[in-house]
Amino acid sequence: MDEHLTMHPTEGVRSMEDKMREYGFHVNPKRIRRLFRIMDYNAVYQRKNLSKLGAREYIKPYLLRGLNIDRPNQVWCTDIAYIPMKKGFLYLTAIMDV
């Protein structure tokens, strides 16, 4: 199951049930859900859109407004992404010079 879910991460309980039956295992959705819990395999839902205005205490000022960026190493930015692997995630961090 783990190998199949690594190759097809969007499949859920029903498709996994069908796939296991193709392999000759007698399973039902309840068993697949239990195995997903053991594997710590959870659905990833969209999170709150942070680009919309939120509570006043979380709004930070834009510090680059009016700043003349004219040389290297003056402004940096970062980004973090995660890549699903066989066992967990690989975190990718990029640090860029604007």
Protein backbone atom coordinates (compact mmCIF):
# COMPACT_ATOMS: atom_id res chain seq x y z
CA MET A 1 0.00 0.00 0.00
CA ASP A 2 2.80 2.39 0.90
CA GLU A 3 4.55 1.91 -2.44
CA HIS A 4 1.29 2.39 -4.36
CA LEU A 5 0.37 5.53 -2.38
CA THR A 6 3.81 7.01 -3.03
CA MET A 7 3.24 6.63 -6.77
CA HIS A 8 -0.45 7.72 -6.61
CA PRO A 9 -0.86 10.06 -3.61
CA THR A 10 -4.36 11.23 -4.59
CA GLU A 11 -6.03 7.84 -4.27
CA GLY A 12 -8.37 7.30 -1.37
CA VAL A 13 -10.11 4.47 0.43
CA ARG A 14 -12.34 3.31 -2.43
CA SER A 15 -9.62 3.15 -5.07
CA MET A 16 -7.24 1.48 -2.60
CA GLU A 17 -9.91 -1.10 -1.81
CA ASP A 18 -10.23 -1.88 -5.52
CA LYS A 19 -6.46 -2.06 -5.94
CA MET A 20 -6.05 -4.46 -2.99
CA ARG A 21 -8.76 -6.71 -4.38
CA GLU A 22 -6.86 -6.80 -7.69
CA TYR A 23 -3.88 -8.13 -5.73
CA GLY A 24 -6.11 -10.83 -4.19
CA PHE A 25 -6.60 -9.39 -0.69
CA HIS A 26 -10.09 -9.52 0.83
CA VAL A 27 -10.51 -6.04 2.34
CA ASN A 28 -13.31 -3.63 3.13
CA PRO A 29 -13.27 0.19 3.50
CA LYS A 30 -13.13 -0.06 7.31
CA ARG A 31 -9.88 -2.05 7.13
CA ILE A 32 -8.35 0.36 4.59
CA ARG A 33 -9.19 3.33 6.86
CA ARG A 34 -7.60 1.55 9.81
CA LEU A 35 -4.45 0.83 7.80
CA PHE A 36 -4.35 4.46 6.64
CA ARG A 37 -4.48 5.53 10.31
CA ILE A 38 -1.63 3.16 11.19
CA MET A 39 0.42 4.55 8.27
CA ASP A 40 -0.47 8.10 9.37
CA TYR A 41 -1.84 8.74 5.88
CA ASN A 42 -4.18 11.76 6.05
CA ALA A 43 -5.90 13.94 3.51
CA VAL A 44 -4.34 17.37 2.99
CA TYR A 45 -6.98 20.06 2.76
CA GLN A 46 -6.66 23.62 1.57
CA ARG A 47 -5.74 25.92 4.37
CA LYS A 48 -7.00 29.38 5.07
CA ASN A 49 -5.98 31.84 2.38
CA LEU A 50 -3.39 33.94 4.17
CA SER A 51 -3.24 36.58 1.44
CA LYS A 52 -6.67 37.85 2.49
CA LEU A 53 -6.79 40.44 5.22
CA GLY A 54 -7.04 38.88 8.63
CA ALA A 55 -6.92 40.01 12.20
CA ARG A 56 -5.19 43.34 12.74
CA GLU A 57 -2.47 41.93 15.01
CA TYR A 58 -1.27 39.57 12.25
CA ILE A 59 -0.91 42.23 9.53
CA LYS A 60 2.74 43.21 9.20
CA PRO A 61 4.00 46.31 7.37
CA TYR A 62 5.57 45.93 3.92
CA LEU A 63 9.16 46.90 4.65
CA LEU A 64 10.37 47.15 1.03
CA ARG A 65 7.96 49.91 -0.05
CA GLY A 66 9.96 52.91 -1.27
CA LEU A 67 13.28 51.06 -0.92
CA ASN A 68 15.60 51.47 -3.91
CA ILE A 69 17.05 48.00 -4.55
CA ASP A 70 20.17 48.64 -6.63
CA ARG A 71 22.85 46.16 -5.50
CA PRO A 72 23.26 42.42 -4.80
CA ASN A 73 22.79 41.04 -1.28
CA GLN A 74 20.48 43.90 -0.35
CA VAL A 75 17.16 41.99 -0.21
CA TRP A 76 16.66 38.27 0.31
CA CYS A 77 13.56 36.08 0.24
CA THR A 78 12.86 32.47 1.18
CA ASP A 79 10.38 29.79 0.27
CA ILE A 80 9.70 26.39 1.83
CA ALA A 81 8.01 23.46 0.08
CA TYR A 82 7.57 19.83 1.02
CA ILE A 83 7.95 16.87 -1.30
CA PRO A 84 6.25 13.56 -0.42
CA MET A 85 8.69 10.66 -0.06
CA LYS A 86 8.25 6.97 0.74
CA LYS A 87 8.44 7.65 4.48
CA GLY A 88 7.38 11.18 5.33
CA PHE A 89 8.29 14.41 3.55
CA LEU A 90 11.42 16.09 2.28
CA TYR A 91 11.47 19.79 3.05
CA LEU A 92 12.95 21.98 0.31
CA THR A 93 14.10 25.46 1.30
CA ALA A 94 15.12 28.08 -1.26
CA ILE A 95 16.93 31.27 -0.33
CA MET A 96 16.99 33.84 -3.14
CA ASP A 97 18.64 37.19 -3.66
CA VAL A 98 16.02 39.58 -5.01
